[in-house]
Amino acid sequence: MGTVIYDHPWAYELACSFRDVRAEVDVLRRWAGDARDVLELAAGPAEHAREFARRGVAATALDLSPAMCAYARERGSGLPLEVVEGDMTDFRLGRRFDLVITMLDSTAHLMTLDALVAYLRCVAAHLADDGLAVIEMSHPADRLSETPRVSAAWAVEKDGVSARVRWGEPSDQLDPITQIVHDHVTIAIDGGDVIQGVVPYRFWTATELEAALRLAGGLTVEAQFGDFDPGVALDSPEAWRMLTLLRRTPEGSSTGG
């Protein structure tokens, strides 16, 4: 049932259209400098990869969902975009990239420490020596405080189509042992379909990410921010995401944050 949401790429992209992808890519380009190629992992509809490609940057989008990959190929037709169907914890593309990104808390689909470490090792293996990796995760305050940083319900409009989205119900409780929650998701398209599904998510803390980086090796934390605005620190009350910038660890150096 959980895959139902991801079998409707257009509806998923509509639900996430509150994001300003162009502005986010502006920031990613500033952070990465003169990136000649970019790899987006767990890309879904590959909005960020497609935006990079529109700007003439060679982009590769990798996702496990055949439906998402087909949608990304269709929407990226004519652009310098390659779409690869694959698992972000186990892939080999045979080349390295100036920028590797994982957006929209896609690491929440990694349910175990072993999976997170395997993902980080793949990132390190595909990152150029002077490249940058950016991981966008949910802010820990969403699960560890009484005041979440993001809303579970919102309305969107894109290309003349409106929808109401509910990502998680009050009854969806985080398991304190596994740190997994099964979110009930509803995308109600005005005058159209109602798409529902249950999506399992694993919550990762900042210290768990640091530990996973040490286990994986090969990557060093350059900075962490609470927004795509680098002026927002991770511990700021305005922080709503956990953005981690990573570089390849120089030979002979220790890893982690």
C-alpha atoms as a PDB file:
ATOM      1  CA  MET A   1       0.000   0.000   0.000  1.00  0.00           C
ATOM      2  CA  GLY A   2       2.891   2.325   0.749  1.00  0.00           C
ATOM      3  CA  THR A   3       4.056   2.358  -2.847  1.00  0.00           C
ATOM      4  CA  VAL A   4       0.714   3.750  -4.055  1.00  0.00           C
ATOM      5  CA  ILE A   5       1.823   7.350  -3.516  1.00  0.00           C
ATOM      6  CA  TYR A   6       4.981   6.824  -5.564  1.00  0.00           C
ATOM      7  CA  ASP A   7       3.037   5.155  -8.359  1.00  0.00           C
ATOM      8  CA  HIS A   8       1.498   8.583  -9.085  1.00  0.00           C
ATOM      9  CA  PRO A   9       4.503  10.807  -9.892  1.00  0.00           C
ATOM     10  CA  TRP A  10       2.439  13.718 -11.180  1.00  0.00           C
ATOM     11  CA  ALA A  11       0.319  13.802  -8.007  1.00  0.00           C
ATOM     12  CA  TYR A  12       3.448  13.511  -5.855  1.00  0.00           C
ATOM     13  CA  GLU A  13       5.078  16.412  -7.689  1.00  0.00           C
ATOM     14  CA  LEU A  14       1.893  18.442  -7.258  1.00  0.00           C
ATOM     15  CA  ALA A  15       1.842  17.680  -3.519  1.00  0.00           C
ATOM     16  CA  CYS A  16       5.430  18.925  -3.177  1.00  0.00           C
ATOM     17  CA  SER A  17       4.959  22.014  -5.343  1.00  0.00           C
ATOM     18  CA  PHE A  18       5.093  24.295  -2.299  1.00  0.00           C
ATOM     19  CA  ARG A  19       8.850  23.948  -2.666  1.00  0.00           C
ATOM     20  CA  ASP A  20      10.701  26.610  -4.659  1.00  0.00           C
ATOM     21  CA  VAL A  21      12.952  24.260  -6.623  1.00  0.00           C
ATOM     22  CA  ARG A  22      14.520  27.032  -8.690  1.00  0.00           C
ATOM     23  CA  ALA A  23      15.561  28.962  -5.588  1.00  0.00           C
ATOM     24  CA  GLU A  24      16.903  25.787  -3.976  1.00  0.00           C
ATOM     25  CA  VAL A  25      18.975  24.995  -7.052  1.00  0.00           C
ATOM     26  CA  ASP A  26      20.320  28.561  -6.950  1.00  0.00           C
ATOM     27  CA  VAL A  27      21.595  27.834  -3.428  1.00  0.00           C
ATOM     28  CA  LEU A  28      22.957  24.403  -4.326  1.00  0.00           C
ATOM     29  CA  ARG A  29      24.903  25.937  -7.208  1.00  0.00           C
ATOM     30  CA  ARG A  30      26.384  28.581  -4.921  1.00  0.00           C
ATOM     31  CA  TRP A  31      27.443  25.926  -2.446  1.00  0.00           C
ATOM     32  CA  ALA A  32      28.883  23.637  -5.112  1.00  0.00           C
ATOM     33  CA  GLY A  33      30.628  26.293  -7.156  1.00  0.00           C
ATOM     34  CA  ASP A  34      31.216  25.492 -10.796  1.00  0.00           C
ATOM     35  CA  ALA A  35      29.641  22.011 -10.778  1.00  0.00           C
ATOM     36  CA  ARG A  36      29.754  20.466 -14.242  1.00  0.00           C
ATOM     37  CA  ASP A  37      27.618  17.452 -13.391  1.00  0.00           C
ATOM     38  CA  VAL A  38      25.139  16.544 -10.666  1.00  0.00           C
ATOM     39  CA  LEU A  39      23.706  13.291  -9.333  1.00  0.00           C
ATOM     40  CA  GLU A  40      20.338  13.314  -7.546  1.00  0.00           C
ATOM     41  CA  LEU A  41      19.674  10.212  -5.445  1.00  0.00           C
ATOM     42  CA  ALA A  42      16.205   8.896  -4.537  1.00  0.00           C
ATOM     43  CA  ALA A  43      15.181  11.567  -7.005  1.00  0.00           C
ATOM     44  CA  GLY A  44      11.489  10.738  -7.419  1.00  0.00           C
ATOM     45  CA  PRO A  45      10.228  13.012 -10.215  1.00  0.00           C
ATOM     46  CA  ALA A  46      13.768  14.479 -10.324  1.00  0.00           C
ATOM     47  CA  GLU A  47      12.695  18.102 -10.042  1.00  0.00           C
ATOM     48  CA  HIS A  48      16.097  19.296  -8.873  1.00  0.00           C
ATOM     49  CA  ALA A  49      17.988  17.259 -11.470  1.00  0.00           C
ATOM     50  CA  ARG A  50      15.644  18.546 -14.178  1.00  0.00           C
ATOM     51  CA  GLU A  51      16.196  22.133 -13.054  1.00  0.00           C
ATOM     52  CA  PHE A  52      19.968  21.657 -13.190  1.00  0.00           C
ATOM     53  CA  ALA A  53      19.593  20.171 -16.666  1.00  0.00           C
ATOM     54  CA  ARG A  54      17.517  23.154 -17.814  1.00  0.00           C
ATOM     55  CA  ARG A  55      20.506  25.296 -16.867  1.00  0.00           C
ATOM     56  CA  GLY A  56      22.820  23.227 -19.030  1.00  0.00           C
ATOM     57  CA  VAL A  57      24.357  21.167 -16.226  1.00  0.00           C
ATOM     58  CA  ALA A  58      24.674  17.460 -17.032  1.00  0.00           C
ATOM     59  CA  ALA A  59      22.352  15.730 -14.569  1.00  0.00           C
ATOM     60  CA  THR A  60      21.720  12.142 -13.533  1.00  0.00           C
ATOM     61  CA  ALA A  61      18.661  11.108 -11.502  1.00  0.00           C
ATOM     62  CA  LEU A  62      18.526   7.753  -9.717  1.00  0.00           C
ATOM     63  CA  ASP A  63      15.381   6.297  -8.181  1.00  0.00           C
ATOM     64  CA  LEU A  64      14.046   2.877  -7.243  1.00  0.00           C
ATOM     65  CA  SER A  65      10.531   3.459  -8.601  1.00  0.00           C
ATOM     66  CA  PRO A  66       9.931   2.542 -12.259  1.00  0.00           C
ATOM     67  CA  ALA A  67       6.990   4.956 -12.383  1.00  0.00           C
ATOM     68  CA  MET A  68       9.085   7.847 -11.070  1.00  0.00           C
ATOM     69  CA  CYS A  69      11.900   7.057 -13.516  1.00  0.00           C
ATOM     70  CA  ALA A  70       9.517   6.953 -16.479  1.00  0.00           C
ATOM     71  CA  TYR A  71       7.974  10.260 -15.416  1.00  0.00           C
ATOM     72  CA  ALA A  72      11.401  11.906 -14.977  1.00  0.00           C
ATOM     73  CA  ARG A  73      12.506  10.720 -18.425  1.00  0.00           C
ATOM     74  CA  GLU A  74       9.357  12.103 -20.009  1.00  0.00           C
ATOM     75  CA  ARG A  75       9.592  15.453 -18.252  1.00  0.00           C
ATOM     76  CA  GLY A  76      13.318  15.684 -18.903  1.00  0.00           C
ATOM     77  CA  SER A  77      13.097  14.856 -22.600  1.00  0.00           C
ATOM     78  CA  GLY A  78      15.461  17.034 -24.621  1.00  0.00           C
ATOM     79  CA  LEU A  79      17.506  18.007 -21.570  1.00  0.00           C
ATOM     80  CA  PRO A  80      20.992  16.775 -20.606  1.00  0.00           C
ATOM     81  CA  LEU A  81      19.359  14.386 -18.121  1.00  0.00           C
ATOM     82  CA  GLU A  82      20.052  10.688 -17.602  1.00  0.00           C
ATOM     83  CA  VAL A  83      17.600   8.679 -15.504  1.00  0.00           C
ATOM     84  CA  VAL A  84      18.745   5.479 -13.798  1.00  0.00           C
ATOM     85  CA  GLU A  85      16.500   2.987 -12.035  1.00  0.00           C
ATOM     86  CA  GLY A  86      18.439   1.873  -8.983  1.00  0.00           C
ATOM     87  CA  ASP A  87      18.745   1.572  -5.210  1.00  0.00           C
ATOM     88  CA  MET A  88      20.511   4.472  -3.471  1.00  0.00           C
ATOM     89  CA  THR A  89      22.192   1.962  -1.139  1.00  0.00           C
ATOM     90  CA  ASP A  90      23.691  -0.193  -3.903  1.00  0.00           C
ATOM     91  CA  PHE A  91      24.591   1.318  -7.259  1.00  0.00           C
ATOM     92  CA  ARG A  92      27.683   1.750  -9.409  1.00  0.00           C
ATOM     93  CA  LEU A  93      27.616   4.318 -12.179  1.00  0.00           C
ATOM     94  CA  GLY A  94      31.314   4.101 -13.033  1.00  0.00           C
ATOM     95  CA  ARG A  95      31.995   7.809 -12.650  1.00  0.00           C
ATOM     96  CA  ARG A  96      32.119  10.595 -10.097  1.00  0.00           C
ATOM     97  CA  PHE A  97      30.138  13.829  -9.858  1.00  0.00           C
ATOM     98  CA  ASP A  98      30.875  17.386  -8.782  1.00  0.00           C
ATOM     99  CA  LEU A  99      27.624  17.505  -6.827  1.00  0.00           C
ATOM    100  CA  VAL A 100      25.603  14.670  -5.264  1.00  0.00           C
ATOM    101  CA  ILE A 101      22.255  15.627  -3.716  1.00  0.00           C
ATOM    102  CA  THR A 102      19.531  13.831  -1.781  1.00  0.00           C
ATOM    103  CA  MET A 103      16.493  16.055  -1.282  1.00  0.00           C
ATOM    104  CA  LEU A 104      13.115  16.019   0.508  1.00  0.00           C
ATOM    105  CA  ASP A 105      14.217  13.789   3.381  1.00  0.00           C
ATOM    106  CA  SER A 106      14.592  10.798   1.066  1.00  0.00           C
ATOM    107  CA  THR A 107      17.036   9.272   3.573  1.00  0.00           C
ATOM    108  CA  ALA A 108      13.955   8.610   5.732  1.00  0.00           C
ATOM    109  CA  HIS A 109      13.357   5.635   3.417  1.00  0.00           C
ATOM    110  CA  LEU A 110      16.504   4.026   4.845  1.00  0.00           C
ATOM    111  CA  MET A 111      15.150   1.905   7.675  1.00  0.00           C
ATOM    112  CA  THR A 112      18.363   0.585   9.245  1.00  0.00           C
ATOM    113  CA  LEU A 113      21.799   1.828  10.187  1.00  0.00           C
ATOM    114  CA  ASP A 114      23.310  -0.614   7.708  1.00  0.00           C
ATOM    115  CA  ALA A 115      21.212   0.947   4.919  1.00  0.00           C
ATOM    116  CA  LEU A 116      22.236   4.483   5.891  1.00  0.00           C
ATOM    117  CA  VAL A 117      25.915   3.509   5.973  1.00  0.00           C
ATOM    118  CA  ALA A 118      25.638   1.741   2.603  1.00  0.00           C
ATOM    119  CA  TYR A 119      24.032   4.856   1.108  1.00  0.00           C
ATOM    120  CA  LEU A 120      26.807   7.093   2.467  1.00  0.00           C
ATOM    121  CA  ARG A 121      29.464   4.771   1.040  1.00  0.00           C
ATOM    122  CA  CYS A 122      27.799   4.999  -2.376  1.00  0.00           C
ATOM    123  CA  VAL A 123      27.772   8.804  -2.079  1.00  0.00           C
ATOM    124  CA  ALA A 124      31.491   8.848  -1.239  1.00  0.00           C
ATOM    125  CA  ALA A 125      32.283   6.474  -4.120  1.00  0.00           C
ATOM    126  CA  HIS A 126      30.523   8.733  -6.633  1.00  0.00           C
ATOM    127  CA  LEU A 127      31.759  12.112  -5.371  1.00  0.00           C
ATOM    128  CA  ALA A 128      34.614  13.873  -7.166  1.00  0.00           C
ATOM    129  CA  ASP A 129      37.696  14.701  -5.119  1.00  0.00           C
ATOM    130  CA  ASP A 130      36.703  18.366  -4.928  1.00  0.00           C
ATOM    131  CA  GLY A 131      32.956  17.665  -5.095  1.00  0.00           C
ATOM    132  CA  LEU A 132      30.153  18.431  -2.656  1.00  0.00           C
ATOM    133  CA  ALA A 133      27.370  16.209  -1.330  1.00  0.00           C
ATOM    134  CA  VAL A 134      24.217  17.747   0.151  1.00  0.00           C
ATOM    135  CA  ILE A 135      21.729  15.751   2.223  1.00  0.00           C
ATOM    136  CA  GLU A 136      18.398  17.317   3.149  1.00  0.00           C
ATOM    137  CA  MET A 137      16.729  15.610   6.102  1.00  0.00           C
ATOM    138  CA  SER A 138      13.786  16.544   8.298  1.00  0.00           C
ATOM    139  CA  HIS A 139      14.633  18.693  11.302  1.00  0.00           C
ATOM    140  CA  PRO A 140      14.960  16.667  14.525  1.00  0.00           C
ATOM    141  CA  ALA A 141      12.526  19.061  16.227  1.00  0.00           C
ATOM    142  CA  ASP A 142       9.746  17.554  14.113  1.00  0.00           C
ATOM    143  CA  ARG A 143       9.965  14.384  16.206  1.00  0.00           C
ATOM    144  CA  LEU A 144      11.708  15.466  19.398  1.00  0.00           C
ATOM    145  CA  SER A 145       9.778  18.600  20.345  1.00  0.00           C
ATOM    146  CA  GLU A 146       6.179  19.555  21.034  1.00  0.00           C
ATOM    147  CA  THR A 147       6.311  22.070  18.180  1.00  0.00           C
ATOM    148  CA  PRO A 148       6.999  20.486  14.770  1.00  0.00           C
ATOM    149  CA  ARG A 149       8.783  22.696  12.239  1.00  0.00           C
ATOM    150  CA  VAL A 150       6.596  21.631   9.302  1.00  0.00           C
ATOM    151  CA  SER A 151       2.852  21.203   8.905  1.00  0.00           C
ATOM    152  CA  ALA A 152       1.267  17.825   8.217  1.00  0.00           C
ATOM    153  CA  ALA A 153      -1.485  19.383   6.093  1.00  0.00           C
ATOM    154  CA  TRP A 154      -1.292  21.943   3.311  1.00  0.00           C
ATOM    155  CA  ALA A 155      -2.910  23.132   0.088  1.00  0.00           C
ATOM    156  CA  VAL A 156      -1.100  23.527  -3.235  1.00  0.00           C
ATOM    157  CA  GLU A 157      -1.777  24.806  -6.732  1.00  0.00           C
ATOM    158  CA  LYS A 158       0.269  24.143  -9.855  1.00  0.00           C
ATOM    159  CA  ASP A 159      -0.549  24.661 -13.523  1.00  0.00           C
ATOM    160  CA  GLY A 160      -4.152  25.427 -12.656  1.00  0.00           C
ATOM    161  CA  VAL A 161      -4.647  22.271 -10.579  1.00  0.00           C
ATOM    162  CA  SER A 162      -5.254  22.460  -6.824  1.00  0.00           C
ATOM    163  CA  ALA A 163      -4.915  19.780  -4.192  1.00  0.00           C
ATOM    164  CA  ARG A 164      -5.172  19.279  -0.463  1.00  0.00           C
ATOM    165  CA  VAL A 165      -2.448  17.164   1.086  1.00  0.00           C
ATOM    166  CA  ARG A 166      -2.303  15.372   4.416  1.00  0.00           C
ATOM    167  CA  TRP A 167       1.056  13.713   5.140  1.00  0.00           C
ATOM    168  CA  GLY A 168       0.561  11.837   8.372  1.00  0.00           C
ATOM    169  CA  GLU A 169      -2.392  11.593  10.717  1.00  0.00           C
ATOM    170  CA  PRO A 170      -2.374  12.416  14.458  1.00  0.00           C
ATOM    171  CA  SER A 171      -2.746   8.677  15.122  1.00  0.00           C
ATOM    172  CA  ASP A 172       0.505   7.916  13.240  1.00  0.00           C
ATOM    173  CA  GLN A 173       2.906   7.470  16.120  1.00  0.00           C
ATOM    174  CA  LEU A 174       6.663   7.079  15.957  1.00  0.00           C
ATOM    175  CA  ASP A 175       7.815   3.733  17.301  1.00  0.00           C
ATOM    176  CA  PRO A 176      10.334   4.674  20.039  1.00  0.00           C
ATOM    177  CA  ILE A 177      12.310   1.460  19.486  1.00  0.00           C
ATOM    178  CA  THR A 178      12.652   1.401  15.697  1.00  0.00           C
ATOM    179  CA  GLN A 179      12.199   5.172  15.161  1.00  0.00           C
ATOM    180  CA  ILE A 180       9.874   4.297  12.292  1.00  0.00           C
ATOM    181  CA  VAL A 181       6.463   5.856  11.697  1.00  0.00           C
ATOM    182  CA  HIS A 182       3.912   4.681   9.142  1.00  0.00           C
ATOM    183  CA  ASP A 183       2.456   7.904   7.767  1.00  0.00           C
ATOM    184  CA  HIS A 184      -1.028   7.791   6.284  1.00  0.00           C
ATOM    185  CA  VAL A 185      -0.891  10.049   3.234  1.00  0.00           C
ATOM    186  CA  THR A 186      -3.800  11.584   1.334  1.00  0.00           C
ATOM    187  CA  ILE A 187      -3.537  13.706  -1.814  1.00  0.00           C
ATOM    188  CA  ALA A 188      -6.991  15.010  -2.706  1.00  0.00           C
ATOM    189  CA  ILE A 189      -6.950  16.649  -6.134  1.00  0.00           C
ATOM    190  CA  ASP A 190      -9.770  19.161  -6.469  1.00  0.00           C
ATOM    191  CA  GLY A 191     -12.341  17.808  -8.911  1.00  0.00           C
ATOM    192  CA  GLY A 192     -10.272  14.692  -9.414  1.00  0.00           C
ATOM    193  CA  ASP A 193      -8.765  11.654  -7.742  1.00  0.00           C
ATOM    194  CA  VAL A 194      -8.043  11.033  -4.085  1.00  0.00           C
ATOM    195  CA  ILE A 195      -4.771   9.138  -3.733  1.00  0.00           C
ATOM    196  CA  GLN A 196      -4.060   7.432  -0.429  1.00  0.00           C
ATOM    197  CA  GLY A 197      -1.296   5.262   0.917  1.00  0.00           C
ATOM    198  CA  VAL A 198       0.808   4.396   3.952  1.00  0.00           C
ATOM    199  CA  VAL A 199       4.458   5.412   3.776  1.00  0.00           C
ATOM    200  CA  PRO A 200       6.994   4.114   6.335  1.00  0.00           C
ATOM    201  CA  TYR A 201       9.595   6.659   7.428  1.00  0.00           C
ATOM    202  CA  ARG A 202      12.670   6.240   9.609  1.00  0.00           C
ATOM    203  CA  PHE A 203      13.579   9.224  11.761  1.00  0.00           C
ATOM    204  CA  TRP A 204      17.309   9.968  11.988  1.00  0.00           C
ATOM    205  CA  THR A 205      18.884  12.267  14.565  1.00  0.00           C
ATOM    206  CA  ALA A 206      21.890  14.524  13.943  1.00  0.00           C
ATOM    207  CA  THR A 207      24.106  12.363  16.166  1.00  0.00           C
ATOM    208  CA  GLU A 208      23.015   9.191  14.348  1.00  0.00           C
ATOM    209  CA  LEU A 209      23.989  10.776  11.053  1.00  0.00           C
ATOM    210  CA  GLU A 210      27.385  11.669  12.519  1.00  0.00           C
ATOM    211  CA  ALA A 211      27.858   8.089  13.727  1.00  0.00           C
ATOM    212  CA  ALA A 212      26.844   6.675  10.338  1.00  0.00           C
ATOM    213  CA  LEU A 213      29.370   8.947   8.632  1.00  0.00           C
ATOM    214  CA  ARG A 214      32.113   7.636  10.891  1.00  0.00           C
ATOM    215  CA  LEU A 215      31.153   4.057  10.105  1.00  0.00           C
ATOM    216  CA  ALA A 216      30.912   4.711   6.365  1.00  0.00           C
ATOM    217  CA  GLY A 217      34.164   6.637   6.091  1.00  0.00           C
ATOM    218  CA  GLY A 218      35.209   8.761   3.138  1.00  0.00           C
ATOM    219  CA  LEU A 219      33.104  11.844   3.938  1.00  0.00           C
ATOM    220  CA  THR A 220      33.591  14.845   6.213  1.00  0.00           C
ATOM    221  CA  VAL A 221      30.960  17.335   7.351  1.00  0.00           C
ATOM    222  CA  GLU A 222      31.715  20.799   5.991  1.00  0.00           C
ATOM    223  CA  ALA A 223      28.642  22.556   7.411  1.00  0.00           C
ATOM    224  CA  GLN A 224      25.085  22.064   8.604  1.00  0.00           C
ATOM    225  CA  PHE A 225      22.188  24.478   8.155  1.00  0.00           C
ATOM    226  CA  GLY A 226      18.547  24.637   9.178  1.00  0.00           C
ATOM    227  CA  ASP A 227      17.355  26.012   5.845  1.00  0.00           C
ATOM    228  CA  PHE A 228      18.517  26.636   2.305  1.00  0.00           C
ATOM    229  CA  ASP A 229      19.455  30.048   3.706  1.00  0.00           C
ATOM    230  CA  PRO A 230      22.927  29.460   5.185  1.00  0.00           C
ATOM    231  CA  GLY A 231      22.173  32.241   7.671  1.00  0.00           C
ATOM    232  CA  VAL A 232      19.787  29.865   9.468  1.00  0.00           C
ATOM    233  CA  ALA A 233      21.746  27.668  11.874  1.00  0.00           C
ATOM    234  CA  LEU A 234      20.604  24.143  12.620  1.00  0.00           C
ATOM    235  CA  ASP A 235      19.777  25.106  16.223  1.00  0.00           C
ATOM    236  CA  SER A 236      17.891  28.245  15.208  1.00  0.00           C
ATOM    237  CA  PRO A 237      14.164  28.492  16.083  1.00  0.00           C
ATOM    238  CA  GLU A 238      13.590  29.220  12.363  1.00  0.00           C
ATOM    239  CA  ALA A 239      15.309  26.018  11.247  1.00  0.00           C
ATOM    240  CA  TRP A 240      12.915  23.635   9.493  1.00  0.00           C
ATOM    241  CA  ARG A 241      15.288  21.190   7.772  1.00  0.00           C
ATOM    242  CA  MET A 242      18.623  19.547   8.526  1.00  0.00           C
ATOM    243  CA  LEU A 243      20.906  20.245   5.573  1.00  0.00           C
ATOM    244  CA  THR A 244      24.333  18.625   5.741  1.00  0.00           C
ATOM    245  CA  LEU A 245      27.151  19.546   3.362  1.00  0.00           C
ATOM    246  CA  LEU A 246      29.820  16.884   2.899  1.00  0.00           C
ATOM    247  CA  ARG A 247      33.222  16.701   1.244  1.00  0.00           C
ATOM    248  CA  ARG A 248      35.410  13.711   0.477  1.00  0.00           C
ATOM    249  CA  THR A 249      37.786  13.025   3.338  1.00  0.00           C
ATOM    250  CA  PRO A 250      41.422  13.678   2.394  1.00  0.00           C
ATOM    251  CA  GLU A 251      43.643  10.604   2.427  1.00  0.00           C
ATOM    252  CA  GLY A 252      44.933   9.876   5.919  1.00  0.00           C
ATOM    253  CA  SER A 253      42.335  12.067   7.654  1.00  0.00           C
ATOM    254  CA  SER A 254      39.633  10.994  10.082  1.00  0.00           C
ATOM    255  CA  THR A 255      35.976  11.095   9.058  1.00  0.00           C
ATOM    256  CA  GLY A 256      32.747  12.335  10.556  1.00  0.00           C
ATOM    257  CA  GLY A 257      31.610  15.678  11.933  1.00  0.00           C
END
